[in-house]
Protein backbone atom coordinates (compact mmCIF):
# COMPACT_ATOMS: atom_id res chain seq x y z
CA MET A 1 -24.71 38.58 -34.12
CA SER A 2 -25.30 35.97 -36.80
CA ASP A 3 -24.23 32.34 -36.42
CA THR A 4 -22.82 32.50 -39.98
CA PRO A 5 -20.69 35.67 -40.13
CA ARG A 6 -18.32 34.40 -42.82
CA THR A 7 -21.19 33.62 -45.17
CA ASP A 8 -23.04 36.84 -44.36
CA GLU A 9 -20.10 38.82 -45.66
CA ARG A 10 -20.49 37.15 -49.06
CA THR A 11 -24.26 36.96 -49.56
CA ILE A 12 -25.21 36.82 -53.22
CA TYR A 13 -28.66 37.89 -54.42
CA ASN A 14 -30.33 37.24 -57.76
CA GLU A 15 -32.40 39.74 -59.75
CA ARG A 16 -35.49 39.00 -57.60
CA GLY A 17 -33.62 39.82 -54.40
CA GLU A 18 -33.45 36.20 -53.28
CA TRP A 19 -30.27 34.77 -51.81
CA VAL A 20 -28.74 32.17 -53.97
CA ILE A 21 -25.87 29.90 -52.92
CA SER A 22 -25.52 31.50 -49.49
CA GLY A 23 -28.24 29.26 -47.99
CA PHE A 24 -26.09 26.19 -48.58
CA ALA A 25 -22.98 28.09 -47.50
CA ARG A 26 -24.68 29.00 -44.22
CA HIS A 27 -25.51 25.35 -43.66
CA LEU A 28 -21.87 24.38 -44.26
CA GLU A 29 -20.63 27.15 -41.99
CA ARG A 30 -22.91 25.95 -39.18
CA GLU A 31 -21.61 22.39 -39.63
CA LEU A 32 -18.02 23.67 -39.60
CA ASN A 33 -18.64 25.67 -36.42
CA ALA A 34 -20.22 22.64 -34.73
CA ALA A 35 -17.33 20.39 -35.77
CA ASN A 36 -14.76 22.90 -34.49
CA GLU A 37 -16.57 23.12 -31.15
CA ARG A 38 -16.61 19.32 -30.89
CA ILE A 39 -12.89 19.16 -31.66
CA LYS A 40 -12.23 21.75 -28.95
CA ARG A 41 -14.23 19.74 -26.39
CA LEU A 42 -12.47 16.50 -27.38
CA GLU A 43 -9.05 18.13 -27.08
CA GLU A 44 -9.92 19.47 -23.64
CA ALA A 45 -11.09 16.02 -22.55
CA GLY A 46 -7.97 14.38 -24.01
CA ASP A 47 -5.72 16.88 -22.25
CA ALA A 48 -7.49 16.20 -18.94
CA MET A 49 -7.18 12.42 -19.41
CA ALA A 50 -3.51 12.66 -20.34
CA LYS A 51 -2.86 14.84 -17.30
CA SER A 52 -4.64 12.40 -15.00
CA CYS A 53 -2.50 9.54 -16.38
CA GLU A 54 0.64 11.51 -15.50
CA VAL A 55 -0.56 12.15 -11.95
CA VAL A 56 -2.21 8.85 -11.11
CA GLU A 57 -0.16 6.29 -12.98
CA ILE A 58 3.42 6.65 -14.12
CA ASN A 59 4.00 3.40 -15.96
CA GLN A 60 4.39 2.13 -19.53
CA PHE A 61 0.64 2.29 -20.15
CA GLY A 62 0.41 5.93 -19.04
CA ILE A 63 3.40 6.88 -21.16
CA GLU A 64 1.88 5.21 -24.24
CA ILE A 65 -1.39 7.11 -23.76
CA ASN A 66 0.35 10.44 -23.42
CA GLY A 67 2.60 9.76 -26.41
CA ALA A 68 -0.34 8.73 -28.59
CA TRP A 69 -2.33 11.77 -27.47
CA ARG A 70 0.49 14.19 -28.25
CA LYS A 71 0.95 12.57 -31.67
CA ALA A 72 -2.78 12.83 -32.44
CA LYS A 73 -2.90 16.51 -31.49
CA GLU A 74 0.11 17.28 -33.71
CA ALA A 75 -1.66 15.74 -36.74
CA LYS A 76 -3.82 18.83 -37.27
CA PRO A 77 -3.86 20.17 -40.82
């Protein structure tokens, strides 16, 4: 399976059989995939940290962390 399936569906060739814009589109799709994976890892780490604050420390500082984390996760487009 390709690492750029969305772009592969829309490959455009010129009269010489060369791909045109799809090379740049593949590059962008790879960057998007990498960014989405990083976001997923960061969310998992944030969830784990927020959970550990609830278990280890129930005080104003822990509540502020959890509140800020929930607010940040809700800010997705």
